[in-house]
N, C-alpha and C. Protein backbone atom coordinates (compact mmCIF):
# COMPACT_ATOMS: atom_id res chain seq x y z
N MET A 1 98.24 103.54 15.55
CA MET A 1 99.07 103.47 17.09
C MET A 1 99.12 104.56 17.89
N ASN A 2 98.39 104.60 18.99
CA ASN A 2 98.45 106.27 19.58
C ASN A 2 99.92 106.38 20.49
N ARG A 3 99.88 107.87 19.86
CA ARG A 3 100.99 108.70 20.61
C ARG A 3 101.00 109.19 21.55
N ARG A 4 101.60 109.39 22.99
CA ARG A 4 101.16 109.78 24.16
C ARG A 4 101.86 111.03 23.75
N THR A 5 102.00 112.20 24.54
CA THR A 5 102.47 113.55 24.58
C THR A 5 103.64 113.46 25.37
N PHE A 6 104.68 114.19 24.73
CA PHE A 6 106.04 114.24 25.70
C PHE A 6 105.54 114.93 27.18
N HIS A 7 106.12 114.57 27.97
CA HIS A 7 106.29 115.35 28.98
C HIS A 7 107.77 115.36 30.13
N ARG A 8 107.99 116.24 30.74
CA ARG A 8 109.08 115.81 31.59
C ARG A 8 108.70 115.14 32.76
N ALA A 9 109.52 114.25 32.74
CA ALA A 9 109.62 113.40 33.89
C ALA A 9 110.63 112.74 34.47
N PRO A 10 110.34 112.23 36.10
CA PRO A 10 111.26 111.86 36.92
C PRO A 10 112.03 110.79 36.11
N GLU A 11 113.23 110.12 36.33
CA GLU A 11 114.04 109.22 35.73
C GLU A 11 113.35 107.95 35.97
N GLY A 12 112.68 107.34 36.98
CA GLY A 12 111.69 106.25 37.20
C GLY A 12 110.43 106.23 37.03
N GLU A 13 110.15 107.05 36.62
CA GLU A 13 108.77 107.60 36.12
C GLU A 13 108.97 107.18 34.34
N ARG A 14 109.95 107.97 33.45
CA ARG A 14 110.18 107.92 32.47
C ARG A 14 110.40 106.32 32.03
N ARG A 15 111.38 105.41 33.03
CA ARG A 15 111.78 104.52 32.31
C ARG A 15 110.50 103.83 32.45
N GLN A 16 109.83 103.70 33.28
CA GLN A 16 108.03 102.77 33.39
C GLN A 16 107.72 103.04 32.09
N GLU A 17 107.71 104.43 31.77
CA GLU A 17 106.58 104.73 30.93
C GLU A 17 107.02 103.71 29.51
N LEU A 18 108.81 104.01 29.28
CA LEU A 18 108.85 103.07 28.24
C LEU A 18 108.52 101.93 28.05
N ILE A 19 108.59 101.45 29.35
CA ILE A 19 108.29 99.55 29.61
C ILE A 19 106.77 99.74 29.43
N ASP A 20 105.94 100.48 29.96
CA ASP A 20 104.68 100.30 29.10
C ASP A 20 104.59 100.39 28.06
N ALA A 21 104.85 101.27 27.11
CA ALA A 21 104.86 101.79 25.61
C ALA A 21 105.33 100.19 24.94
N THR A 22 106.53 99.97 25.43
CA THR A 22 107.38 98.66 24.84
C THR A 22 106.11 97.54 24.68
N LEU A 23 105.40 97.19 25.85
CA LEU A 23 104.67 96.55 26.26
C LEU A 23 103.08 96.47 25.14
N ASP A 24 102.58 97.97 25.14
CA ASP A 24 101.55 98.23 24.11
C ASP A 24 101.86 97.87 23.30
N THR A 25 103.31 98.27 22.38
CA THR A 25 103.40 97.96 21.24
C THR A 25 103.63 96.46 20.76
N ILE A 26 104.03 95.48 21.43
CA ILE A 26 104.40 93.93 21.49
C ILE A 26 102.97 93.68 21.22
N ALA A 27 102.20 94.15 21.99
CA ALA A 27 100.84 93.43 22.38
C ALA A 27 99.84 93.78 20.72
N GLU A 28 100.65 94.84 20.19
CA GLU A 28 99.96 95.22 19.12
C GLU A 28 100.64 94.57 17.67
N VAL A 29 101.76 94.42 17.49
CA VAL A 29 102.84 94.17 16.36
C VAL A 29 103.46 93.24 16.56
N GLY A 30 103.50 92.48 17.67
CA GLY A 30 104.60 91.70 17.86
C GLY A 30 105.85 91.06 18.50
N LEU A 31 106.97 90.90 19.00
CA LEU A 31 108.10 91.18 19.17
C LEU A 31 108.93 91.13 18.42
N LYS A 32 108.93 90.91 17.11
CA LYS A 32 109.85 91.18 15.93
C LYS A 32 109.74 92.42 15.15
N GLY A 33 108.18 92.96 15.26
CA GLY A 33 107.37 93.93 14.49
C GLY A 33 107.75 95.11 15.55
N ALA A 34 108.09 95.09 17.14
CA ALA A 34 108.12 96.33 17.73
C ALA A 34 109.70 97.03 17.41
N THR A 35 109.62 97.99 16.89
CA THR A 35 111.09 98.54 16.84
C THR A 35 111.35 99.54 17.77
N VAL A 36 112.33 100.11 18.52
CA VAL A 36 112.94 101.01 18.99
C VAL A 36 112.32 102.27 18.42
N ARG A 37 112.30 102.48 17.23
CA ARG A 37 111.25 103.51 16.74
C ARG A 37 109.90 103.58 17.03
N GLN A 38 109.17 102.64 16.99
CA GLN A 38 107.73 102.29 16.99
C GLN A 38 107.19 102.61 18.72
N ILE A 39 108.18 102.06 19.20
CA ILE A 39 108.21 102.19 20.88
C ILE A 39 108.12 103.71 21.22
N ALA A 40 109.71 104.24 21.03
CA ALA A 40 109.87 106.14 21.18
C ALA A 40 108.45 106.89 20.31
N ILE A 41 108.09 106.24 19.25
CA ILE A 41 106.51 107.20 18.96
C ILE A 41 105.13 107.03 20.02
N ARG A 42 105.46 105.79 20.18
CA ARG A 42 104.11 105.36 21.39
C ARG A 42 104.44 106.14 22.78
N ALA A 43 105.64 106.12 22.86
CA ALA A 43 106.03 106.97 24.40
C ALA A 43 106.25 108.62 24.14
N GLY A 44 106.30 108.64 23.27
CA GLY A 44 105.95 110.34 22.99
C GLY A 44 107.19 110.95 22.83
N VAL A 45 108.67 110.31 22.75
CA VAL A 45 110.21 110.59 22.93
C VAL A 45 110.47 110.06 21.67
N THR A 46 112.02 110.46 21.54
CA THR A 46 113.05 110.29 20.45
C THR A 46 113.63 109.09 21.10
N ALA A 47 113.85 108.41 19.66
CA ALA A 47 114.85 107.04 19.76
C ALA A 47 115.97 107.33 20.84
N GLY A 48 116.57 108.61 20.87
CA GLY A 48 117.88 108.66 21.56
C GLY A 48 117.81 109.12 22.75
N LEU A 49 116.26 108.94 23.55
CA LEU A 49 115.96 109.18 24.80
C LEU A 49 115.49 107.59 25.12
N VAL A 50 114.96 106.81 24.18
CA VAL A 50 115.43 105.45 24.87
C VAL A 50 116.61 104.78 24.99
N ARG A 51 117.57 105.17 24.09
CA ARG A 51 118.47 104.37 24.26
C ARG A 51 119.38 104.84 25.53
N HIS A 52 118.63 106.16 25.95
CA HIS A 52 119.34 106.57 26.96
C HIS A 52 118.83 105.95 28.53
N TYR A 53 117.79 104.88 28.36
CA TYR A 53 117.25 104.28 29.83
C TYR A 53 117.73 102.99 29.23
N PHE A 54 117.99 102.33 28.02
CA PHE A 54 118.23 101.17 27.58
C PHE A 54 119.30 100.82 26.27
N ALA A 55 120.14 100.17 26.65
CA ALA A 55 121.25 99.99 26.01
C ALA A 55 120.82 99.25 24.58
N SER A 56 119.84 98.74 24.57
CA SER A 56 119.62 97.84 23.53
C SER A 56 118.01 97.44 23.33
N LYS A 57 117.52 97.03 22.21
CA LYS A 57 116.41 96.74 22.25
C LYS A 57 115.75 95.47 23.05
N ASP A 58 116.88 94.43 22.91
CA ASP A 58 116.98 93.10 23.69
C ASP A 58 116.79 93.35 25.20
N GLN A 59 117.33 94.65 25.85
CA GLN A 59 117.44 94.65 27.33
C GLN A 59 115.76 95.32 27.57
N MET A 60 115.46 96.19 26.85
CA MET A 60 114.16 96.88 26.84
C MET A 60 112.91 95.61 26.95
N VAL A 61 113.00 94.65 26.10
CA VAL A 61 112.32 93.55 25.92
C VAL A 61 112.34 92.76 27.12
N ALA A 62 113.52 92.46 27.87
CA ALA A 62 113.48 91.76 29.25
C ALA A 62 113.45 92.29 29.99
N GLU A 63 113.25 93.65 30.15
CA GLU A 63 112.90 94.54 31.30
C GLU A 63 111.17 94.47 31.09
N ALA A 64 110.96 94.51 30.27
CA ALA A 64 109.27 94.32 29.87
C ALA A 64 108.13 93.00 30.15
N TYR A 65 109.54 92.11 29.62
CA TYR A 65 108.95 90.82 30.01
C TYR A 65 109.03 90.48 31.56
N ARG A 66 109.84 90.93 32.21
CA ARG A 66 109.98 91.01 34.04
C ARG A 66 109.09 91.80 34.25
N PHE A 67 108.46 92.73 34.04
CA PHE A 67 107.65 93.45 34.38
C PHE A 67 106.36 93.06 34.06
N MET A 68 105.83 92.69 32.91
CA MET A 68 104.71 91.79 32.79
C MET A 68 104.62 90.73 33.89
N LEU A 69 105.32 89.83 34.24
CA LEU A 69 105.32 88.56 34.66
C LEU A 69 104.94 89.03 36.28
N THR A 70 105.53 90.66 36.81
CA THR A 70 105.11 90.85 38.19
C THR A 70 103.66 91.06 38.24
N THR A 71 103.04 91.85 37.20
CA THR A 71 101.70 92.10 36.93
C THR A 71 100.68 91.52 36.34
N PHE A 72 101.36 90.45 35.72
CA PHE A 72 100.54 89.52 34.79
C PHE A 72 99.43 88.57 35.70
N ALA A 73 99.72 87.83 36.91
CA ALA A 73 99.01 87.45 37.76
C ALA A 73 98.42 87.85 39.24
N ALA A 74 97.31 87.64 39.21
CA ALA A 74 96.63 88.28 40.73
C ALA A 74 98.21 87.50 42.00
N LYS A 75 98.37 88.32 42.76
CA LYS A 75 99.05 87.79 44.04
C LYS A 75 98.41 87.76 45.33
N ALA A 76 99.03 86.73 45.53
CA ALA A 76 98.38 86.49 47.17
C ALA A 76 98.22 87.30 48.32
N VAL A 77 99.45 88.19 48.49
CA VAL A 77 99.31 89.19 49.42
C VAL A 77 98.41 90.23 49.22
N ASP A 78 98.20 90.01 47.79
CA ASP A 78 96.97 91.09 47.71
C ASP A 78 95.35 90.71 47.83
N ILE A 79 95.13 89.43 48.61
CA ILE A 79 94.01 88.80 48.88
C ILE A 79 93.71 88.62 50.19
N GLY A 80 92.56 89.58 50.48
CA GLY A 80 92.20 88.99 52.04
C GLY A 80 91.39 87.67 52.40
N GLY A 81 90.58 87.80 53.57
CA GLY A 81 89.76 86.85 53.81
C GLY A 81 90.70 85.65 54.42
N ASP A 82 89.63 84.77 55.17
CA ASP A 82 90.16 83.32 55.81
C ASP A 82 90.86 82.50 54.46
N SER A 83 91.54 81.51 54.82
CA SER A 83 92.48 80.69 54.05
C SER A 83 91.65 79.98 52.83
N ARG A 84 90.06 79.64 52.99
CA ARG A 84 89.55 79.20 51.64
C ARG A 84 89.20 80.21 50.94
N ARG A 85 88.55 81.36 51.35
CA ARG A 85 88.56 82.53 50.48
C ARG A 85 89.76 83.04 49.81
N ARG A 86 90.69 83.08 50.36
CA ARG A 86 91.73 83.23 49.32
C ARG A 86 92.09 82.60 48.58
N LEU A 87 92.32 81.33 48.69
CA LEU A 87 92.52 80.06 47.44
C LEU A 87 91.19 80.19 46.49
N ARG A 88 90.51 80.36 46.27
CA ARG A 88 89.14 80.56 46.00
C ARG A 88 89.41 82.09 44.95
N THR A 89 89.84 82.99 45.83
CA THR A 89 89.42 84.46 45.02
C THR A 89 90.95 84.12 43.93
N PHE A 90 92.16 83.64 44.56
CA PHE A 90 92.87 83.82 43.49
C PHE A 90 92.99 83.34 42.46
N ILE A 91 92.31 81.51 42.43
CA ILE A 91 91.75 81.09 40.81
C ILE A 91 91.13 81.71 40.34
N THR A 92 90.15 82.40 40.77
CA THR A 92 89.11 83.30 40.15
C THR A 92 89.78 84.28 39.47
N LEU A 93 90.31 84.89 40.11
CA LEU A 93 91.19 86.28 39.63
C LEU A 93 92.19 86.28 38.76
N ASN A 94 93.00 84.98 38.44
CA ASN A 94 93.72 84.35 37.36
C ASN A 94 93.05 83.83 36.39
N LEU A 95 91.69 83.70 36.22
CA LEU A 95 90.93 82.76 35.28
C LEU A 95 90.25 84.03 34.70
N THR A 96 90.22 85.28 35.17
CA THR A 96 89.31 86.35 34.71
C THR A 96 89.84 87.92 34.23
N ALA A 97 89.45 88.39 33.48
CA ALA A 97 89.87 89.93 32.88
C ALA A 97 90.21 90.50 34.02
N PRO A 98 91.52 91.29 33.94
CA PRO A 98 92.33 91.50 33.17
C PRO A 98 93.08 90.77 32.82
N VAL A 99 93.29 89.53 33.78
CA VAL A 99 94.91 88.58 33.81
C VAL A 99 94.36 87.80 32.24
N ALA A 100 93.03 87.45 32.10
CA ALA A 100 92.45 86.87 30.77
C ALA A 100 91.53 87.29 30.26
N ASP A 101 92.60 87.77 29.00
CA ASP A 101 92.18 88.84 28.16
C ASP A 101 92.87 88.83 26.53
N SER A 102 92.73 89.54 25.67
CA SER A 102 93.44 89.31 23.97
C SER A 102 94.46 90.10 24.57
N ARG A 103 94.66 90.83 25.30
CA ARG A 103 95.95 91.68 25.29
C ARG A 103 96.84 90.67 26.11
N SER A 104 96.80 90.22 27.34
CA SER A 104 97.50 88.99 27.76
C SER A 104 97.77 87.93 26.87
N LEU A 105 97.01 87.80 25.85
CA LEU A 105 97.33 86.64 25.34
C LEU A 105 98.20 86.80 24.23
N SER A 106 97.92 88.49 23.47
CA SER A 106 99.02 88.62 22.31
C SER A 106 100.63 88.89 23.38
N LEU A 107 100.31 89.22 24.17
CA LEU A 107 102.02 89.19 25.07
C LEU A 107 102.43 87.91 25.48
N TRP A 108 101.58 87.25 25.41
CA TRP A 108 102.16 85.95 26.24
C TRP A 108 102.62 85.25 25.03
N ALA A 109 101.95 85.27 23.76
CA ALA A 109 101.95 84.30 22.95
C ALA A 109 103.96 84.95 21.95
N SER A 110 103.72 86.37 22.40
CA SER A 110 105.00 87.20 21.54
C SER A 110 106.16 86.77 22.34
N PHE A 111 106.00 86.82 23.57
CA PHE A 111 107.16 86.16 24.47
C PHE A 111 107.56 84.71 24.65
N ILE A 112 106.75 83.98 24.82
CA ILE A 112 106.54 82.30 24.89
C ILE A 112 107.34 82.38 23.45
N SER A 113 107.12 82.71 22.68
CA SER A 113 108.17 81.95 21.35
C SER A 113 109.49 82.31 21.34
N GLN A 114 109.76 83.16 22.26
CA GLN A 114 111.33 83.63 22.12
C GLN A 114 111.97 82.96 23.82
N VAL A 115 111.38 82.10 24.37
CA VAL A 115 111.78 81.89 25.65
C VAL A 115 112.75 80.83 25.72
N ARG A 116 112.24 79.90 24.98
CA ARG A 116 113.30 78.68 24.17
C ARG A 116 114.39 79.08 23.73
N VAL A 117 114.59 80.11 23.20
CA VAL A 117 115.92 80.29 22.03
C VAL A 117 116.81 81.54 23.06
N ASP A 118 115.97 82.33 23.96
CA ASP A 118 116.79 83.28 24.76
C ASP A 118 116.74 83.12 26.26
N PRO A 119 117.87 82.99 26.31
CA PRO A 119 118.47 82.38 27.87
C PRO A 119 118.19 83.50 28.74
N GLU A 120 117.91 84.54 28.57
CA GLU A 120 117.45 85.58 29.58
C GLU A 120 116.17 85.50 29.99
N LEU A 121 115.09 85.82 28.69
CA LEU A 121 113.71 85.55 28.66
C LEU A 121 113.47 84.39 29.65
N ALA A 122 114.21 83.29 29.18
CA ALA A 122 113.87 82.03 29.78
C ALA A 122 113.98 81.76 31.57
N GLU A 123 114.87 82.57 31.76
CA GLU A 123 115.31 83.02 32.88
C GLU A 123 114.41 83.51 34.03
N ILE A 124 113.63 84.43 33.41
CA ILE A 124 112.91 85.32 33.70
C ILE A 124 111.28 84.75 33.60
N HIS A 125 111.07 83.97 32.56
CA HIS A 125 109.81 83.32 32.40
C HIS A 125 109.94 81.99 33.92
N ARG A 126 110.84 81.57 34.04
CA ARG A 126 111.26 80.32 35.02
C ARG A 126 111.23 81.03 36.35
N GLU A 127 111.70 82.58 36.89
CA GLU A 127 111.16 83.30 37.97
C GLU A 127 109.74 83.44 38.13
N GLY A 128 109.31 83.87 36.82
CA GLY A 128 107.69 84.25 37.33
C GLY A 128 106.88 82.64 37.52
N TYR A 129 107.25 81.73 36.96
CA TYR A 129 106.58 80.71 37.06
C TYR A 129 106.39 79.95 38.52
N LEU A 130 108.06 80.19 38.91
CA LEU A 130 108.27 79.63 40.53
C LEU A 130 107.30 80.50 41.20
N GLY A 131 107.47 81.87 41.17
CA GLY A 131 106.76 82.35 41.79
C GLY A 131 105.35 82.92 42.34
N PHE A 132 104.68 82.51 40.95
CA PHE A 132 102.97 81.95 41.02
C PHE A 132 102.96 80.69 41.78
N ARG A 133 103.71 79.84 41.14
CA ARG A 133 103.70 78.01 41.95
C ARG A 133 104.04 78.82 43.22
N SER A 134 104.90 79.57 43.94
CA SER A 134 104.65 79.34 45.24
C SER A 134 103.77 79.93 46.14
N ASP A 135 103.38 81.26 45.55
CA ASP A 135 102.21 81.99 45.85
C ASP A 135 100.93 80.92 46.22
N LEU A 136 100.84 79.88 45.28
CA LEU A 136 99.60 78.76 45.27
C LEU A 136 99.86 77.92 46.22
N GLN A 137 101.04 77.27 46.50
CA GLN A 137 101.64 76.49 47.11
C GLN A 137 101.19 77.01 48.78
N GLY A 138 101.63 77.99 49.01
CA GLY A 138 101.38 78.69 50.38
C GLY A 138 99.82 78.96 50.55
N LEU A 139 99.04 79.53 49.93
CA LEU A 139 97.63 79.02 50.01
C LEU A 139 97.19 77.59 49.79
N ILE A 140 97.51 76.90 49.25
CA ILE A 140 97.08 75.60 49.14
C ILE A 140 97.48 75.07 50.88
N GLY A 141 99.18 75.54 51.38
CA GLY A 141 99.08 75.22 52.88
C GLY A 141 98.26 76.03 53.39
N ASP A 142 97.94 76.77 53.37
CA ASP A 142 97.03 77.58 54.46
C ASP A 142 95.67 77.06 54.80
N PHE A 143 95.33 76.90 53.34
CA PHE A 143 93.98 75.80 53.53
C PHE A 143 93.89 74.65 54.24
N LEU A 144 94.76 73.89 53.78
CA LEU A 144 95.00 72.49 54.41
C LEU A 144 94.97 72.43 55.96
N ILE A 145 96.30 73.23 56.01
CA ILE A 145 96.33 73.53 57.73
C ILE A 145 95.21 73.52 58.23
N ALA A 146 94.05 74.80 57.87
CA ALA A 146 93.17 75.20 58.69
C ALA A 146 91.89 74.21 58.79
N GLU A 147 91.99 73.39 57.63
CA GLU A 147 90.87 71.91 57.57
C GLU A 147 91.57 70.77 58.05
N SER A 148 92.66 70.85 58.50
CA SER A 148 93.53 69.90 59.89
C SER A 148 93.68 68.91 58.63
N GLN A 149 94.24 68.83 57.17
CA GLN A 149 94.38 68.07 56.54
C GLN A 149 96.02 68.22 56.72
N PRO A 150 96.66 67.10 56.07
CA PRO A 150 97.90 66.70 55.96
C PRO A 150 98.62 68.19 54.63
N ALA A 151 99.72 68.53 54.87
CA ALA A 151 100.16 69.69 54.30
C ALA A 151 101.41 70.19 54.72
N SER A 152 101.93 68.52 54.09
CA SER A 152 103.80 68.65 54.17
C SER A 152 104.24 69.42 52.92
N GLU A 153 105.30 69.78 52.78
CA GLU A 153 105.91 70.56 51.45
C GLU A 153 105.64 69.62 50.50
N GLY A 154 106.08 68.83 50.25
CA GLY A 154 105.91 68.00 49.24
C GLY A 154 104.24 67.71 48.93
N VAL A 155 103.54 67.21 49.63
CA VAL A 155 102.02 67.12 49.56
C VAL A 155 101.98 68.80 48.61
N CYS A 156 101.81 69.66 49.38
CA CYS A 156 101.50 71.15 49.11
C CYS A 156 102.14 71.32 47.75
N ARG A 157 103.59 71.15 47.03
CA ARG A 157 103.96 71.56 46.02
C ARG A 157 103.69 70.45 45.11
N ARG A 158 102.98 69.37 45.14
CA ARG A 158 102.61 68.36 44.04
C ARG A 158 101.56 69.01 43.87
N HIS A 159 100.35 69.41 44.39
CA HIS A 159 99.08 70.15 44.30
C HIS A 159 99.31 71.36 43.32
N ALA A 160 100.24 72.28 43.76
CA ALA A 160 100.70 73.34 43.22
C ALA A 160 101.10 73.20 41.57
N ILE A 161 101.60 72.19 41.60
CA ILE A 161 102.10 71.82 40.59
C ILE A 161 101.28 71.38 39.32
N ALA A 162 99.99 70.87 39.53
CA ALA A 162 98.71 70.19 39.22
C ALA A 162 97.99 71.29 38.88
N ILE A 163 97.70 72.05 39.96
CA ILE A 163 96.70 72.99 39.69
C ILE A 163 97.37 74.31 38.55
N THR A 164 98.45 74.77 38.78
CA THR A 164 99.43 75.75 38.38
C THR A 164 99.03 75.29 37.02
N GLY A 165 99.24 74.05 36.64
CA GLY A 165 98.99 73.29 35.41
C GLY A 165 97.43 73.55 34.61
N MET A 166 96.74 73.34 35.38
CA MET A 166 94.97 73.19 34.88
C MET A 166 94.42 74.78 34.73
N ILE A 167 95.39 75.65 35.75
CA ILE A 167 94.59 77.19 35.48
C ILE A 167 95.39 77.51 34.17
N ASP A 168 96.63 77.26 33.64
CA ASP A 168 97.51 77.63 32.49
C ASP A 168 96.48 77.05 31.57
N GLY A 169 96.02 76.07 31.52
CA GLY A 169 95.24 75.23 30.27
C GLY A 169 94.08 75.88 30.10
N LEU A 170 93.06 76.52 31.46
CA LEU A 170 91.86 77.02 30.96
C LEU A 170 92.57 78.67 30.96
N TRP A 171 93.24 79.14 31.37
CA TRP A 171 93.82 80.53 30.87
C TRP A 171 93.52 80.31 29.42
N LEU A 172 93.92 79.82 28.72
CA LEU A 172 94.47 79.84 27.25
C LEU A 172 93.32 79.38 26.66
N GLU A 173 92.16 78.30 27.29
CA GLU A 173 91.14 78.03 25.99
C GLU A 173 90.03 79.44 26.28
N GLY A 174 90.28 79.90 27.25
CA GLY A 174 89.52 81.34 27.92
C GLY A 174 90.02 82.54 26.79
N CYS A 175 91.33 82.45 26.91
CA CYS A 175 91.88 83.75 25.78
C CYS A 175 91.85 83.52 24.55
N LEU A 176 92.01 82.46 23.95
CA LEU A 176 91.71 82.06 22.51
C LEU A 176 90.58 81.84 21.99
N ALA A 177 89.38 81.50 23.08
CA ALA A 177 87.92 81.00 22.30
C ALA A 177 86.95 81.22 23.74
N GLY A 178 87.19 82.69 23.98
CA GLY A 178 86.03 83.20 25.39
C GLY A 178 84.85 82.91 25.15
N GLU A 179 84.46 82.89 23.78
CA GLU A 179 83.06 82.92 23.08
C GLU A 179 82.42 82.06 23.05
N LEU A 180 82.92 80.46 23.28
CA LEU A 180 82.41 79.54 23.62
C LEU A 180 82.11 78.84 25.25
N PHE A 181 82.45 79.82 25.81
CA PHE A 181 82.31 79.62 27.15
C PHE A 181 81.27 80.29 27.79
N GLY A 182 80.49 80.01 28.86
CA GLY A 182 79.70 80.92 29.44
C GLY A 182 80.22 81.93 30.65
N GLU A 183 79.40 82.73 30.86
CA GLU A 183 80.37 83.55 31.74
C GLU A 183 80.50 82.80 33.06
N GLU A 184 81.81 82.70 33.53
CA GLU A 184 82.48 82.27 34.65
C GLU A 184 82.49 80.71 34.62
N GLU A 185 82.10 80.53 33.56
CA GLU A 185 82.01 78.63 33.25
C GLU A 185 83.51 78.20 33.48
N LEU A 186 84.29 78.74 32.94
CA LEU A 186 85.72 78.09 33.00
C LEU A 186 86.38 78.12 34.90
N VAL A 187 85.97 79.27 35.33
CA VAL A 187 86.34 79.35 36.84
C VAL A 187 85.44 78.23 37.29
N ALA A 188 84.36 78.06 37.31
CA ALA A 188 83.15 76.96 37.86
C ALA A 188 84.15 75.43 37.74
N ILE A 189 84.66 75.82 36.43
CA ILE A 189 85.37 74.10 36.17
C ILE A 189 86.70 73.47 37.10
N ALA A 190 87.55 75.01 36.73
CA ALA A 190 88.61 74.91 37.80
C ALA A 190 88.55 74.93 39.36
N LEU A 191 87.21 75.19 39.99
CA LEU A 191 87.09 75.48 41.46
C LEU A 191 86.69 73.92 41.89
N THR A 192 85.59 73.31 40.77
CA THR A 192 85.02 72.02 41.06
C THR A 192 86.15 70.79 40.43
N SER A 193 87.15 70.91 40.13
CA SER A 193 87.89 70.25 40.13
C SER A 193 89.26 70.35 40.76
N ILE A 194 89.72 71.43 41.30
CA ILE A 194 90.52 71.82 42.24
C ILE A 194 89.92 70.87 43.63
N GLU A 195 88.32 71.14 43.88
CA GLU A 195 87.90 70.73 44.92
C GLU A 195 88.12 69.03 45.11
N ALA A 196 87.75 68.22 44.00
CA ALA A 196 87.98 67.27 43.80
C ALA A 196 89.49 66.53 43.90
N LEU A 197 90.49 67.39 43.97
CA LEU A 197 91.62 66.93 44.08
C LEU A 197 91.99 67.35 45.26
N LEU A 198 91.65 68.01 46.31
CA LEU A 198 91.76 68.38 47.70
C LEU A 198 90.81 67.62 48.29
N GLY A 199 89.43 66.96 47.72
CA GLY A 199 88.75 66.74 48.72
C GLY A 199 87.96 67.24 49.96
N LEU A 200 87.80 68.70 49.61
CA LEU A 200 87.82 69.43 50.36
C LEU A 200 86.60 70.81 49.32
N SER A 201 85.68 71.49 50.34
CA SER A 201 85.22 72.61 49.35
C SER A 201 85.61 73.62 49.64
N LEU A 202 85.52 74.46 48.33
CA LEU A 202 85.90 75.62 48.35
C LEU A 202 85.22 76.81 48.82
N GLY A 203 83.71 76.32 48.86
CA GLY A 203 82.95 77.91 49.24
C GLY A 203 81.86 77.93 48.41
N ARG A 204 81.53 79.02 48.34
CA ARG A 204 79.79 78.99 47.23
C ARG A 204 80.77 80.65 46.70
N ASP A 205 79.78 80.59 45.54
CA ASP A 205 80.03 82.13 44.70
C ASP A 205 80.55 83.16 45.67
N GLU A 206 79.06 83.59 46.24
CA GLU A 206 79.27 84.78 46.88
C GLU A 206 80.24 85.07 48.01
N ASP A 207 80.77 83.90 48.57
CA ASP A 207 81.94 84.14 49.20
C ASP A 207 83.22 84.54 48.43
N THR A 208 83.22 84.44 47.58
CA THR A 208 84.33 84.92 46.09
C THR A 208 83.77 86.58 46.23
N ALA A 209 82.96 86.68 45.88
CA ALA A 209 82.22 88.23 45.72
C ALA A 209 82.71 89.07 46.53
N ALA A 210 82.33 88.61 47.93
CA ALA A 210 82.72 89.41 48.68
C ALA A 210 83.67 89.97 49.60
N ALA A 211 84.79 88.85 48.83
CA ALA A 211 86.01 89.27 48.99
C ALA A 211 86.90 90.76 48.85
């Protein structure tokens, strides 16, 4: 376990450092194994200082999960280009590192095991899922409109649900057994499947690389 050197920091910065240390610790030893003491050691502070910012381990875990979900996936707002390129890039980024790697899998596995039994984590998870799906639905709608295709809310919602499920499945496959797939193979499978679903081309590989 790497221990950070203590330094004085503003309140907001210190709180974020503790959240980062919480996620690092959970990724390494799991949710149950991550104690307040271990998190404090990793952050280079005392357990007493941790309790100054968080009333309990449960609160710290909830805040860490919320932060993880806000940074876990690529965001549509950060992607430029035309509607075709934005959708294709969004899919690509969410199936490649750092979104898809061993650390992300460790964190996901640790939190998801508690989502069904912890109402607060369940609500955070729901918000994260709906945020991702909303991003995707907006990208799909923009793309369909640009292609002069039907783009009602119902149509875009159904496509977003289906494609989110596909991304989730391929993401998990890549994280669990990435060595079984060629470079960018899962991305190519996702893009081909989405093209078949939408009945439209998402462009060439170099389009995404230039984004």
